[in-house]
C-alpha atoms as a PDB file:
ATOM      1  CA  MET A   1     188.647 264.087 130.259  1.00  0.00           C
ATOM      2  CA  MET A   2     190.283 265.093 133.512  1.00  0.00           C
ATOM      3  CA  PRO A   3     192.539 268.181 133.242  1.00  0.00           C
ATOM      4  CA  ALA A   4     196.228 267.636 133.874  1.00  0.00           C
ATOM      5  CA  ILE A   5     198.041 269.449 136.666  1.00  0.00           C
ATOM      6  CA  GLN A   6     201.819 269.420 136.658  1.00  0.00           C
ATOM      7  CA  LEU A   7     203.363 268.720 140.060  1.00  0.00           C
ATOM      8  CA  GLN A   8     206.986 267.829 140.716  1.00  0.00           C
ATOM      9  CA  ALA A   9     207.062 264.339 142.258  1.00  0.00           C
ATOM     10  CA  ARG A  10     210.189 263.441 144.195  1.00  0.00           C
ATOM     11  CA  LEU A  11     209.484 259.705 144.225  1.00  0.00           C
ATOM     12  CA  LYS A  12     208.327 257.108 141.760  1.00  0.00           C
ATOM     13  CA  VAL A  13     204.857 255.764 142.484  1.00  0.00           C
ATOM     14  CA  ALA A  14     203.877 252.185 141.623  1.00  0.00           C
ATOM     15  CA  ARG A  15     200.506 250.462 141.380  1.00  0.00           C
ATOM     16  CA  ILE A  16     199.842 247.085 143.004  1.00  0.00           C
ATOM     17  CA  ASP A  17     196.882 244.738 143.316  1.00  0.00           C
ATOM     18  CA  PRO A  18     195.901 244.601 147.028  1.00  0.00           C
ATOM     19  CA  LEU A  19     194.043 241.327 146.488  1.00  0.00           C
ATOM     20  CA  LEU A  20     197.173 239.538 145.254  1.00  0.00           C
ATOM     21  CA  ASP A  21     200.148 241.359 146.752  1.00  0.00           C
ATOM     22  CA  PRO A  22     200.779 240.083 150.333  1.00  0.00           C
ATOM     23  CA  ARG A  23     202.656 243.282 151.177  1.00  0.00           C
ATOM     24  CA  TRP A  24     199.328 245.150 151.433  1.00  0.00           C
ATOM     25  CA  ARG A  25     198.111 242.840 154.207  1.00  0.00           C
ATOM     26  CA  GLN A  26     201.459 243.205 155.950  1.00  0.00           C
ATOM     27  CA  LEU A  27     201.154 247.001 155.883  1.00  0.00           C
ATOM     28  CA  LEU A  28     197.634 246.831 157.343  1.00  0.00           C
ATOM     29  CA  ASP A  29     198.874 244.644 160.189  1.00  0.00           C
ATOM     30  CA  ARG A  30     201.273 247.316 161.397  1.00  0.00           C
ATOM     31  CA  HIS A  31     199.860 250.682 160.275  1.00  0.00           C
ATOM     32  CA  PRO A  32     197.973 252.560 163.037  1.00  0.00           C
ATOM     33  CA  ASP A  33     195.498 254.149 160.588  1.00  0.00           C
ATOM     34  CA  ALA A  34     194.489 250.893 158.872  1.00  0.00           C
ATOM     35  CA  GLY A  35     190.842 249.916 159.215  1.00  0.00           C
ATOM     36  CA  ILE A  36     188.273 247.405 158.064  1.00  0.00           C
ATOM     37  CA  PHE A  37     187.632 249.224 154.789  1.00  0.00           C
ATOM     38  CA  HIS A  38     191.298 248.830 153.753  1.00  0.00           C
ATOM     39  CA  THR A  39     191.216 245.058 154.036  1.00  0.00           C
ATOM     40  CA  PRO A  40     191.386 242.682 151.059  1.00  0.00           C
ATOM     41  CA  ALA A  41     188.206 241.045 152.386  1.00  0.00           C
ATOM     42  CA  TRP A  42     186.209 244.292 152.041  1.00  0.00           C
ATOM     43  CA  LEU A  43     187.766 244.950 148.632  1.00  0.00           C
ATOM     44  CA  GLU A  44     186.946 241.435 147.462  1.00  0.00           C
ATOM     45  CA  ALA A  45     183.301 241.855 148.495  1.00  0.00           C
ATOM     46  CA  LEU A  46     183.160 245.074 146.467  1.00  0.00           C
ATOM     47  CA  ARG A  47     184.711 243.287 143.483  1.00  0.00           C
ATOM     48  CA  ARG A  48     182.355 240.303 143.670  1.00  0.00           C
ATOM     49  CA  THR A  49     179.215 242.390 144.063  1.00  0.00           C
ATOM     50  CA  TYR A  50     179.821 245.432 141.879  1.00  0.00           C
ATOM     51  CA  GLY A  51     182.776 244.494 139.668  1.00  0.00           C
ATOM     52  CA  TYR A  52     185.027 247.241 141.081  1.00  0.00           C
ATOM     53  CA  GLU A  53     188.746 246.707 140.465  1.00  0.00           C
ATOM     54  CA  PRO A  54     190.960 247.630 143.464  1.00  0.00           C
ATOM     55  CA  VAL A  55     194.369 249.252 143.087  1.00  0.00           C
ATOM     56  CA  VAL A  56     196.928 250.625 145.554  1.00  0.00           C
ATOM     57  CA  PHE A  57     199.321 253.480 144.780  1.00  0.00           C
ATOM     58  CA  THR A  58     202.589 253.237 146.731  1.00  0.00           C
ATOM     59  CA  THR A  59     206.127 254.620 146.665  1.00  0.00           C
ATOM     60  CA  ALA A  60     207.582 251.183 147.509  1.00  0.00           C
ATOM     61  CA  ALA A  61     209.871 249.606 144.921  1.00  0.00           C
ATOM     62  CA  PRO A  62     208.903 246.192 143.473  1.00  0.00           C
ATOM     63  CA  GLY A  63     209.583 243.518 146.074  1.00  0.00           C
ATOM     64  CA  ALA A  64     210.343 246.014 148.859  1.00  0.00           C
ATOM     65  CA  PRO A  65     208.160 246.161 151.992  1.00  0.00           C
ATOM     66  CA  LEU A  66     205.350 248.726 151.797  1.00  0.00           C
ATOM     67  CA  SER A  67     205.704 251.801 153.959  1.00  0.00           C
ATOM     68  CA  ASP A  68     202.740 253.628 152.412  1.00  0.00           C
ATOM     69  CA  GLY A  69     199.753 253.152 150.158  1.00  0.00           C
ATOM     70  CA  VAL A  70     196.454 254.676 149.051  1.00  0.00           C
ATOM     71  CA  VAL A  71     193.804 252.172 147.978  1.00  0.00           C
ATOM     72  CA  PHE A  72     191.151 252.904 145.351  1.00  0.00           C
ATOM     73  CA  CYS A  73     188.506 251.098 143.373  1.00  0.00           C
ATOM     74  CA  ARG A  74     188.158 251.683 139.674  1.00  0.00           C
ATOM     75  CA  VAL A  75     184.453 252.352 139.156  1.00  0.00           C
ATOM     76  CA  ARG A  76     183.302 251.994 135.567  1.00  0.00           C
ATOM     77  CA  SER A  77     179.830 253.308 134.811  1.00  0.00           C
ATOM     78  CA  TRP A  78     178.061 254.459 131.675  1.00  0.00           C
ATOM     79  CA  LEU A  79     175.559 256.230 133.931  1.00  0.00           C
ATOM     80  CA  THR A  80     177.683 258.182 136.427  1.00  0.00           C
ATOM     81  CA  GLY A  81     181.096 258.147 134.746  1.00  0.00           C
ATOM     82  CA  ASP A  82     184.357 256.275 135.257  1.00  0.00           C
ATOM     83  CA  ARG A  83     186.259 257.301 138.361  1.00  0.00           C
ATOM     84  CA  LEU A  84     188.726 256.349 141.104  1.00  0.00           C
ATOM     85  CA  VAL A  85     187.101 256.200 144.554  1.00  0.00           C
ATOM     86  CA  SER A  86     188.732 255.481 147.912  1.00  0.00           C
ATOM     87  CA  LEU A  87     186.497 253.664 148.659  1.00  0.00           C
ATOM     88  CA  PRO A  88     182.955 252.985 147.353  1.00  0.00           C
ATOM     89  CA  PHE A  89     180.287 252.273 150.002  1.00  0.00           C
ATOM     90  CA  SER A  90     182.898 252.933 152.705  1.00  0.00           C
ATOM     91  CA  ASP A  91     182.409 255.638 155.311  1.00  0.00           C
ATOM     92  CA  HIS A  92     186.101 256.536 155.296  1.00  0.00           C
ATOM     93  CA  CYS A  93     189.439 255.194 154.078  1.00  0.00           C
ATOM     94  CA  GLN A  94     192.483 256.990 155.431  1.00  0.00           C
ATOM     95  CA  PRO A  95     195.468 257.302 153.037  1.00  0.00           C
ATOM     96  CA  LEU A  96     198.268 255.288 154.616  1.00  0.00           C
ATOM     97  CA  LEU A  97     201.218 257.534 153.891  1.00  0.00           C
ATOM     98  CA  PRO A  98     203.660 259.844 155.650  1.00  0.00           C
ATOM     99  CA  ALA A  99     203.475 263.562 154.999  1.00  0.00           C
ATOM    100  CA  ALA A 100     206.931 263.456 153.396  1.00  0.00           C
ATOM    101  CA  ASP A 101     205.625 261.300 150.533  1.00  0.00           C
ATOM    102  CA  ALA A 102     202.181 262.851 150.182  1.00  0.00           C
ATOM    103  CA  ARG A 103     203.011 265.318 147.416  1.00  0.00           C
ATOM    104  CA  ALA A 104     204.385 262.533 145.215  1.00  0.00           C
ATOM    105  CA  ILE A 105     201.250 260.482 145.796  1.00  0.00           C
ATOM    106  CA  TRP A 106     198.868 263.375 145.027  1.00  0.00           C
ATOM    107  CA  SER A 107     200.752 264.038 141.790  1.00  0.00           C
ATOM    108  CA  ALA A 108     200.690 260.382 140.786  1.00  0.00           C
ATOM    109  CA  LEU A 109     196.965 260.105 141.504  1.00  0.00           C
ATOM    110  CA  ILE A 110     196.142 263.072 139.301  1.00  0.00           C
ATOM    111  CA  THR A 111     198.343 261.701 136.524  1.00  0.00           C
ATOM    112  CA  ALA A 112     196.852 258.201 136.789  1.00  0.00           C
ATOM    113  CA  ALA A 113     193.282 259.492 136.726  1.00  0.00           C
ATOM    114  CA  ALA A 114     194.053 261.574 133.636  1.00  0.00           C
ATOM    115  CA  GLN A 115     195.796 258.671 131.882  1.00  0.00           C
ATOM    116  CA  GLU A 116     192.880 256.347 132.583  1.00  0.00           C
ATOM    117  CA  LYS A 117     190.430 259.047 131.442  1.00  0.00           C
ATOM    118  CA  ARG A 118     188.585 259.039 134.752  1.00  0.00           C
ATOM    119  CA  LYS A 119     185.889 261.644 135.279  1.00  0.00           C
ATOM    120  CA  TYR A 120     187.248 262.353 138.770  1.00  0.00           C
ATOM    121  CA  LEU A 121     188.942 260.793 141.760  1.00  0.00           C
ATOM    122  CA  GLU A 122     187.684 260.901 145.330  1.00  0.00           C
ATOM    123  CA  ILE A 123     189.430 260.318 148.677  1.00  0.00           C
ATOM    124  CA  ARG A 124     187.521 259.759 151.926  1.00  0.00           C
ATOM    125  CA  PRO A 125     190.019 260.368 154.747  1.00  0.00           C
ATOM    126  CA  VAL A 126     189.389 260.530 158.467  1.00  0.00           C
ATOM    127  CA  HIS A 127     191.939 263.340 158.607  1.00  0.00           C
ATOM    128  CA  TRP A 128     194.058 264.859 155.860  1.00  0.00           C
ATOM    129  CA  GLU A 129     195.340 268.284 156.907  1.00  0.00           C
ATOM    130  CA  ASP A 130     198.619 266.825 158.195  1.00  0.00           C
ATOM    131  CA  LEU A 131     199.278 264.866 154.998  1.00  0.00           C
ATOM    132  CA  ALA A 132     200.658 267.708 152.857  1.00  0.00           C
ATOM    133  CA  PRO A 133     197.241 268.913 151.650  1.00  0.00           C
ATOM    134  CA  PRO A 134     196.732 268.925 147.876  1.00  0.00           C
ATOM    135  CA  PRO A 135     197.335 272.250 146.091  1.00  0.00           C
ATOM    136  CA  ASP A 136     194.867 275.006 146.900  1.00  0.00           C
ATOM    137  CA  GLY A 137     192.213 275.402 144.255  1.00  0.00           C
ATOM    138  CA  ALA A 138     192.849 271.992 142.684  1.00  0.00           C
ATOM    139  CA  TRP A 139     190.775 269.743 144.933  1.00  0.00           C
ATOM    140  CA  ASP A 140     187.190 270.148 146.022  1.00  0.00           C
ATOM    141  CA  GLN A 141     186.238 269.613 149.660  1.00  0.00           C
ATOM    142  CA  ASP A 142     183.215 267.581 148.738  1.00  0.00           C
ATOM    143  CA  CYS A 143     180.610 265.912 150.977  1.00  0.00           C
ATOM    144  CA  ARG A 144     180.654 266.711 154.681  1.00  0.00           C
ATOM    145  CA  TYR A 145     179.501 264.243 157.288  1.00  0.00           C
ATOM    146  CA  ALA A 146     179.498 263.891 161.052  1.00  0.00           C
ATOM    147  CA  PHE A 147     181.517 260.977 162.425  1.00  0.00           C
ATOM    148  CA  HIS A 148     181.129 259.444 165.910  1.00  0.00           C
ATOM    149  CA  VAL A 149     183.461 257.178 167.921  1.00  0.00           C
ATOM    150  CA  VAL A 150     182.757 255.653 171.362  1.00  0.00           C
ATOM    151  CA  ASP A 151     185.584 254.826 173.780  1.00  0.00           C
ATOM    152  CA  LEU A 152     185.030 251.217 174.888  1.00  0.00           C
ATOM    153  CA  THR A 153     187.976 250.915 177.274  1.00  0.00           C
ATOM    154  CA  PRO A 154     186.030 251.389 180.559  1.00  0.00           C
ATOM    155  CA  PRO A 155     184.475 248.287 182.156  1.00  0.00           C
ATOM    156  CA  LEU A 156     180.963 247.553 180.921  1.00  0.00           C
ATOM    157  CA  GLU A 157     179.191 248.705 184.093  1.00  0.00           C
ATOM    158  CA  LEU A 158     181.054 252.057 184.045  1.00  0.00           C
ATOM    159  CA  LEU A 159     180.607 252.431 180.307  1.00  0.00           C
ATOM    160  CA  LEU A 160     176.840 252.030 180.602  1.00  0.00           C
ATOM    161  CA  ARG A 161     176.687 254.911 183.095  1.00  0.00           C
ATOM    162  CA  THR A 162     178.211 257.301 180.531  1.00  0.00           C
ATOM    163  CA  PHE A 163     175.284 256.820 178.132  1.00  0.00           C
ATOM    164  CA  ASP A 164     172.221 259.061 178.151  1.00  0.00           C
ATOM    165  CA  ASP A 165     169.735 257.824 180.740  1.00  0.00           C
ATOM    166  CA  SER A 166     166.420 258.499 178.993  1.00  0.00           C
ATOM    167  CA  CYS A 167     167.499 257.790 175.415  1.00  0.00           C
ATOM    168  CA  VAL A 168     169.757 254.789 176.006  1.00  0.00           C
ATOM    169  CA  ARG A 169     169.718 253.189 179.457  1.00  0.00           C
ATOM    170  CA  ARG A 170     165.954 253.328 180.029  1.00  0.00           C
ATOM    171  CA  ARG A 171     165.288 252.029 176.534  1.00  0.00           C
ATOM    172  CA  ILE A 172     167.642 249.110 177.035  1.00  0.00           C
ATOM    173  CA  ARG A 173     165.750 248.224 180.222  1.00  0.00           C
ATOM    174  CA  ARG A 174     162.432 248.595 178.376  1.00  0.00           C
ATOM    175  CA  ALA A 175     163.610 246.172 175.683  1.00  0.00           C
ATOM    176  CA  GLU A 176     164.720 243.680 178.315  1.00  0.00           C
ATOM    177  CA  ARG A 177     161.370 243.907 180.116  1.00  0.00           C
ATOM    178  CA  ALA A 178     159.615 243.304 176.794  1.00  0.00           C
ATOM    179  CA  GLY A 179     161.551 240.043 176.483  1.00  0.00           C
ATOM    180  CA  LEU A 180     163.436 240.935 173.303  1.00  0.00           C
ATOM    181  CA  GLU A 181     165.847 238.254 172.194  1.00  0.00           C
ATOM    182  CA  CYS A 182     169.160 239.050 170.466  1.00  0.00           C
ATOM    183  CA  ILE A 183     170.746 236.510 168.126  1.00  0.00           C
ATOM    184  CA  SER A 184     174.232 237.184 166.741  1.00  0.00           C
ATOM    185  CA  GLY A 185     176.086 235.476 163.911  1.00  0.00           C
ATOM    186  CA  ARG A 186     176.548 235.444 160.146  1.00  0.00           C
ATOM    187  CA  SER A 187     174.582 232.405 158.982  1.00  0.00           C
ATOM    188  CA  PRO A 188     172.720 232.590 155.648  1.00  0.00           C
ATOM    189  CA  GLU A 189     169.488 232.576 157.642  1.00  0.00           C
ATOM    190  CA  LEU A 190     170.527 235.644 159.665  1.00  0.00           C
ATOM    191  CA  ILE A 191     171.743 237.406 156.514  1.00  0.00           C
ATOM    192  CA  GLY A 192     168.368 236.677 154.917  1.00  0.00           C
ATOM    193  CA  GLU A 193     166.411 237.997 157.890  1.00  0.00           C
ATOM    194  CA  PHE A 194     168.565 241.124 157.971  1.00  0.00           C
ATOM    195  CA  PHE A 195     168.035 241.689 154.251  1.00  0.00           C
ATOM    196  CA  ASP A 196     164.253 241.419 154.591  1.00  0.00           C
ATOM    197  CA  LEU A 197     164.351 244.116 157.298  1.00  0.00           C
ATOM    198  CA  HIS A 198     166.776 246.192 155.211  1.00  0.00           C
ATOM    199  CA  ALA A 199     164.514 246.028 152.150  1.00  0.00           C
ATOM    200  CA  ALA A 200     161.462 246.981 154.214  1.00  0.00           C
ATOM    201  CA  THR A 201     163.323 249.891 155.843  1.00  0.00           C
ATOM    202  CA  ARG A 202     164.558 251.212 152.509  1.00  0.00           C
ATOM    203  CA  ARG A 203     161.062 250.933 151.061  1.00  0.00           C
ATOM    204  CA  ARG A 204     159.691 252.900 154.024  1.00  0.00           C
ATOM    205  CA  HIS A 205     162.162 255.628 153.058  1.00  0.00           C
ATOM    206  CA  GLY A 206     161.263 255.317 149.380  1.00  0.00           C
ATOM    207  CA  LEU A 207     164.669 253.921 148.402  1.00  0.00           C
ATOM    208  CA  PRO A 208     165.947 250.724 146.753  1.00  0.00           C
ATOM    209  CA  PRO A 209     167.755 248.197 148.961  1.00  0.00           C
ATOM    210  CA  GLN A 210     171.347 247.312 148.268  1.00  0.00           C
ATOM    211  CA  PRO A 211     171.595 243.900 146.566  1.00  0.00           C
ATOM    212  CA  LYS A 212     171.230 240.866 148.803  1.00  0.00           C
ATOM    213  CA  ALA A 213     174.423 239.548 147.190  1.00  0.00           C
ATOM    214  CA  TRP A 214     176.328 242.472 148.763  1.00  0.00           C
ATOM    215  CA  PHE A 215     175.544 241.288 152.282  1.00  0.00           C
ATOM    216  CA  ALA A 216     176.125 237.630 151.417  1.00  0.00           C
ATOM    217  CA  ASN A 217     179.507 238.493 149.896  1.00  0.00           C
ATOM    218  CA  LEU A 218     180.482 240.565 152.921  1.00  0.00           C
ATOM    219  CA  ALA A 219     179.678 237.644 155.218  1.00  0.00           C
ATOM    220  CA  ALA A 220     181.606 235.219 153.020  1.00  0.00           C
ATOM    221  CA  CYS A 221     184.660 237.474 152.644  1.00  0.00           C
ATOM    222  CA  LEU A 222     184.890 238.945 156.148  1.00  0.00           C
ATOM    223  CA  GLY A 223     184.080 235.740 158.023  1.00  0.00           C
ATOM    224  CA  ASP A 224     184.058 236.120 161.788  1.00  0.00           C
ATOM    225  CA  ARG A 225     184.851 239.834 161.502  1.00  0.00           C
ATOM    226  CA  LEU A 226     181.209 240.433 160.504  1.00  0.00           C
ATOM    227  CA  ARG A 227     178.271 239.927 162.847  1.00  0.00           C
ATOM    228  CA  VAL A 228     174.560 240.392 162.382  1.00  0.00           C
ATOM    229  CA  HIS A 229     172.842 241.275 165.672  1.00  0.00           C
ATOM    230  CA  LEU A 230     169.143 240.553 165.212  1.00  0.00           C
ATOM    231  CA  ALA A 231     166.329 241.263 167.690  1.00  0.00           C
ATOM    232  CA  ARG A 232     163.218 239.132 167.841  1.00  0.00           C
ATOM    233  CA  HIS A 233     159.957 239.835 169.645  1.00  0.00           C
ATOM    234  CA  GLN A 234     157.868 236.741 170.273  1.00  0.00           C
ATOM    235  CA  GLY A 235     159.859 235.016 167.535  1.00  0.00           C
ATOM    236  CA  ARG A 236     159.409 237.784 164.972  1.00  0.00           C
ATOM    237  CA  PRO A 237     162.479 239.623 163.561  1.00  0.00           C
ATOM    238  CA  ILE A 238     161.970 243.308 164.317  1.00  0.00           C
ATOM    239  CA  ALA A 239     165.408 244.944 163.931  1.00  0.00           C
ATOM    240  CA  ALA A 240     169.014 244.155 163.082  1.00  0.00           C
ATOM    241  CA  ILE A 241     172.400 245.832 162.840  1.00  0.00           C
ATOM    242  CA  VAL A 242     175.620 244.683 161.175  1.00  0.00           C
ATOM    243  CA  THR A 243     178.994 245.314 162.831  1.00  0.00           C
ATOM    244  CA  LEU A 244     182.519 244.763 161.534  1.00  0.00           C
ATOM    245  CA  LEU A 245     185.674 244.168 163.575  1.00  0.00           C
ATOM    246  CA  PHE A 246     189.264 245.001 162.665  1.00  0.00           C
ATOM    247  CA  ARG A 247     191.935 244.768 165.352  1.00  0.00           C
ATOM    248  CA  ASP A 248     190.529 246.766 168.300  1.00  0.00           C
ATOM    249  CA  THR A 249     187.902 248.747 166.356  1.00  0.00           C
ATOM    250  CA  LEU A 250     184.263 247.713 166.150  1.00  0.00           C
ATOM    251  CA  THR A 251     182.398 249.429 163.305  1.00  0.00           C
ATOM    252  CA  TYR A 252     178.655 249.868 162.931  1.00  0.00           C
ATOM    253  CA  LYS A 253     177.864 249.646 159.225  1.00  0.00           C
ATOM    254  CA  PHE A 254     174.204 248.758 158.568  1.00  0.00           C
ATOM    255  CA  GLY A 255     170.944 248.956 160.458  1.00  0.00           C
ATOM    256  CA  ALA A 256     167.307 248.117 159.724  1.00  0.00           C
ATOM    257  CA  SER A 257     164.115 247.896 161.736  1.00  0.00           C
ATOM    258  CA  ASP A 258     160.368 247.531 161.805  1.00  0.00           C
ATOM    259  CA  ALA A 259     159.213 251.011 162.843  1.00  0.00           C
ATOM    260  CA  GLY A 260     156.214 249.544 164.641  1.00  0.00           C
ATOM    261  CA  PHE A 261     158.510 248.222 167.376  1.00  0.00           C
ATOM    262  CA  HIS A 262     160.700 251.289 167.975  1.00  0.00           C
ATOM    263  CA  ARG A 263     158.726 252.008 171.127  1.00  0.00           C
ATOM    264  CA  LEU A 264     160.316 248.912 172.709  1.00  0.00           C
ATOM    265  CA  GLY A 265     163.805 250.462 172.587  1.00  0.00           C
ATOM    266  CA  VAL A 266     165.017 247.870 170.102  1.00  0.00           C
ATOM    267  CA  MET A 267     167.836 249.864 168.501  1.00  0.00           C
ATOM    268  CA  PRO A 268     169.549 250.927 171.774  1.00  0.00           C
ATOM    269  CA  PHE A 269     169.124 247.306 172.889  1.00  0.00           C
ATOM    270  CA  LEU A 270     170.948 246.032 169.780  1.00  0.00           C
ATOM    271  CA  PHE A 271     173.745 248.592 170.028  1.00  0.00           C
ATOM    272  CA  TRP A 272     174.322 247.611 173.650  1.00  0.00           C
ATOM    273  CA  ARG A 273     174.419 243.916 172.773  1.00  0.00           C
ATOM    274  CA  ALA A 274     176.901 244.711 169.986  1.00  0.00           C
ATOM    275  CA  ILE A 275     179.080 246.614 172.473  1.00  0.00           C
ATOM    276  CA  GLU A 276     179.026 243.691 174.894  1.00  0.00           C
ATOM    277  CA  ALA A 277     180.038 241.299 172.119  1.00  0.00           C
ATOM    278  CA  GLY A 278     182.675 243.671 170.776  1.00  0.00           C
ATOM    279  CA  LYS A 279     184.336 244.133 174.136  1.00  0.00           C
ATOM    280  CA  GLY A 280     184.399 240.363 174.475  1.00  0.00           C
ATOM    281  CA  GLN A 281     186.407 240.283 171.241  1.00  0.00           C
ATOM    282  CA  GLY A 282     188.848 242.930 172.468  1.00  0.00           C
ATOM    283  CA  ALA A 283     187.334 246.062 170.907  1.00  0.00           C
ATOM    284  CA  ALA A 284     188.537 249.334 172.449  1.00  0.00           C
ATOM    285  CA  ARG A 285     186.562 251.750 170.251  1.00  0.00           C
ATOM    286  CA  PHE A 286     183.192 251.717 168.509  1.00  0.00           C
ATOM    287  CA  ASP A 287     183.075 253.526 165.181  1.00  0.00           C
ATOM    288  CA  LEU A 288     179.429 254.542 164.751  1.00  0.00           C
ATOM    289  CA  GLY A 289     180.025 255.558 161.148  1.00  0.00           C
ATOM    290  CA  ARG A 290     179.152 258.654 159.207  1.00  0.00           C
ATOM    291  CA  SER A 291     175.940 260.664 159.380  1.00  0.00           C
ATOM    292  CA  ASP A 292     174.851 263.257 156.870  1.00  0.00           C
ATOM    293  CA  LYS A 293     174.901 266.637 158.608  1.00  0.00           C
ATOM    294  CA  GLY A 294     171.280 267.157 157.631  1.00  0.00           C
ATOM    295  CA  ASN A 295     170.173 264.063 159.543  1.00  0.00           C
ATOM    296  CA  ALA A 296     169.759 265.633 162.977  1.00  0.00           C
ATOM    297  CA  GLY A 297     167.931 262.619 164.410  1.00  0.00           C
ATOM    298  CA  LEU A 298     170.723 260.160 163.609  1.00  0.00           C
ATOM    299  CA  ILE A 299     173.376 262.548 164.906  1.00  0.00           C
ATOM    300  CA  ALA A 300     171.444 262.976 168.160  1.00  0.00           C
ATOM    301  CA  PHE A 301     171.047 259.195 168.526  1.00  0.00           C
ATOM    302  CA  LYS A 302     174.787 258.648 168.191  1.00  0.00           C
ATOM    303  CA  GLY A 303     175.545 261.516 170.543  1.00  0.00           C
ATOM    304  CA  ASN A 304     173.522 259.791 173.263  1.00  0.00           C
ATOM    305  CA  TRP A 305     176.276 257.146 173.469  1.00  0.00           C
ATOM    306  CA  ASN A 306     178.845 259.604 174.820  1.00  0.00           C
ATOM    307  CA  ALA A 307     180.544 259.489 171.436  1.00  0.00           C
ATOM    308  CA  GLU A 308     183.275 261.831 170.285  1.00  0.00           C
ATOM    309  CA  LYS A 309     181.964 263.761 167.286  1.00  0.00           C
ATOM    310  CA  ARG A 310     184.241 264.683 164.404  1.00  0.00           C
ATOM    311  CA  GLU A 311     183.823 265.842 160.833  1.00  0.00           C
ATOM    312  CA  LEU A 312     184.528 263.870 157.677  1.00  0.00           C
ATOM    313  CA  THR A 313     185.559 265.869 154.624  1.00  0.00           C
ATOM    314  CA  TYR A 314     185.927 264.064 151.321  1.00  0.00           C
ATOM    315  CA  LEU A 315     188.377 265.328 148.694  1.00  0.00           C
ATOM    316  CA  ARG A 316     187.610 265.308 144.986  1.00  0.00           C
ATOM    317  CA  PHE A 317     189.655 266.202 141.912  1.00  0.00           C
ATOM    318  CA  PRO A 318     188.859 268.058 139.770  1.00  0.00           C
ATOM    319  CA  ARG A 319     186.628 270.549 141.514  1.00  0.00           C
ATOM    320  CA  ARG A 320     182.918 270.031 140.965  1.00  0.00           C
ATOM    321  CA  THR A 321     181.109 272.564 138.809  1.00  0.00           C
ATOM    322  CA  GLY A 322     177.596 273.549 139.818  1.00  0.00           C
ATOM    323  CA  ALA A 323     175.785 272.925 143.092  1.00  0.00           C
ATOM    324  CA  LYS A 324     176.844 270.078 145.362  1.00  0.00           C
ATOM    325  CA  ARG A 325     174.309 267.507 146.423  1.00  0.00           C
ATOM    326  CA  THR A 326     175.113 265.004 149.129  1.00  0.00           C
ATOM    327  CA  LEU A 327     173.872 261.434 149.143  1.00  0.00           C
ATOM    328  CA  GLY A 328     171.852 262.296 152.227  1.00  0.00           C
ATOM    329  CA  GLN A 329     170.017 265.022 150.319  1.00  0.00           C
ATOM    330  CA  VAL A 330     169.252 262.589 147.518  1.00  0.00           C
ATOM    331  CA  GLU A 331     167.992 260.022 150.030  1.00  0.00           C
ATOM    332  CA  ARG A 332     165.695 262.539 151.701  1.00  0.00           C
ATOM    333  CA  ALA A 333     164.138 263.170 148.282  1.00  0.00           C
ATOM    334  CA  GLY A 334     163.611 259.435 147.819  1.00  0.00           C
ATOM    335  CA  PRO A 335     160.061 259.096 149.182  1.00  0.00           C
ATOM    336  CA  THR A 336     158.842 261.620 146.622  1.00  0.00           C
ATOM    337  CA  LEU A 337     160.694 259.945 143.752  1.00  0.00           C
ATOM    338  CA  LEU A 338     160.334 256.244 144.476  1.00  0.00           C
ATOM    339  CA  GLY A 339     157.958 255.820 147.397  1.00  0.00           C
ATOM    340  CA  ARG A 340     155.056 254.536 145.316  1.00  0.00           C
ATOM    341  CA  LEU A 341     156.954 251.752 143.549  1.00  0.00           C
ATOM    342  CA  PRO A 342     156.211 248.147 144.591  1.00  0.00           C
ATOM    343  CA  ALA A 343     158.835 246.298 146.638  1.00  0.00           C
ATOM    344  CA  PRO A 344     159.945 243.970 143.785  1.00  0.00           C
ATOM    345  CA  MET A 345     160.632 246.976 141.564  1.00  0.00           C
ATOM    346  CA  LEU A 346     162.710 248.665 144.278  1.00  0.00           C
ATOM    347  CA  THR A 347     164.714 245.447 144.747  1.00  0.00           C
ATOM    348  CA  PHE A 348     165.330 245.270 140.999  1.00  0.00           C
ATOM    349  CA  LEU A 349     166.464 248.902 140.923  1.00  0.00           C
ATOM    350  CA  GLY A 350     168.895 248.180 143.767  1.00  0.00           C
ATOM    351  CA  ARG A 351     170.465 245.286 141.875  1.00  0.00           C
ATOM    352  CA  ALA A 352     170.635 247.291 138.647  1.00  0.00           C
ATOM    353  CA  PHE A 353     171.872 250.680 139.802  1.00  0.00           C
ATOM    354  CA  TYR A 354     173.858 250.531 143.065  1.00  0.00           C
ATOM    355  CA  ARG A 355     177.037 249.645 141.192  1.00  0.00           C
ATOM    356  CA  HIS A 356     176.801 253.052 139.503  1.00  0.00           C
ATOM    357  CA  LEU A 357     176.628 254.896 142.852  1.00  0.00           C
ATOM    358  CA  GLY A 358     179.784 253.771 144.669  1.00  0.00           C
END
């Protein structure tokens, strides 16, 4: 059971259901730090696929407009323990609260986690130092990731010039010369083709794929805010990425490819097509998502897009005992652990166990 820490809260903190309470959507519409992972659509996809129950902690009185809120999912697992996570399978989820109310929220979160007998709670902010940091020694600074954002405000022709010549621009031209075709949308057929590439990519890395239902639910819940960008070579699907759009932020979330076609520059080609489409929808920034600090190749790839690099630090209470192990470290061990399993077994493992990993 989670240890209790006594903190003096100046405000009462309530819990609301972000899927049912319209005030949560209203807060997202006006809060500058709101993003795609805060949205009821993303939360509903998590609920449908993995059974996670979303909850928002806020200082707003019943019926009053929301001025703050921190959204979590209740993850129940006999394998990895019950916990509060903000948010599962989400790169980041900034607490939407002013510094003046932060202490009350931190206190309420600790109390709620203890009352619900959660093993721990985890917050995945983009930045947190200015939000009245939790008490020293109480919270663990958990997994560390690199985080890249591209400024999309310049015109396309100027933007392209800011990208690395050999690693981006030349590879885009190579893909175009090879006659690669890019199809964008969210039809069941595109979702299916993406999943086949995703499953093959995960198997190449010795890892289970996430359930196909996860991607289908995301497409159903997010609607036009989700796009699959799929590249074909002579009619054959060879790579795909999935992007999400919220207000003026385009987010790269998933990618998969046939390694035999990397020489054609297919991934830079798809990222560029996604940028073109995103700018057409009014995107002013491209969130390239998190990268485990041990994945030097992925970090270098994202850096080639003239992206601003930051650091993501997750917060966990109570502090972890023993050695930390990031998801990236576990994934790099995957080929040794699972690489020899047949594809159907890996797919089964993905359906059975991903809900325990959020």
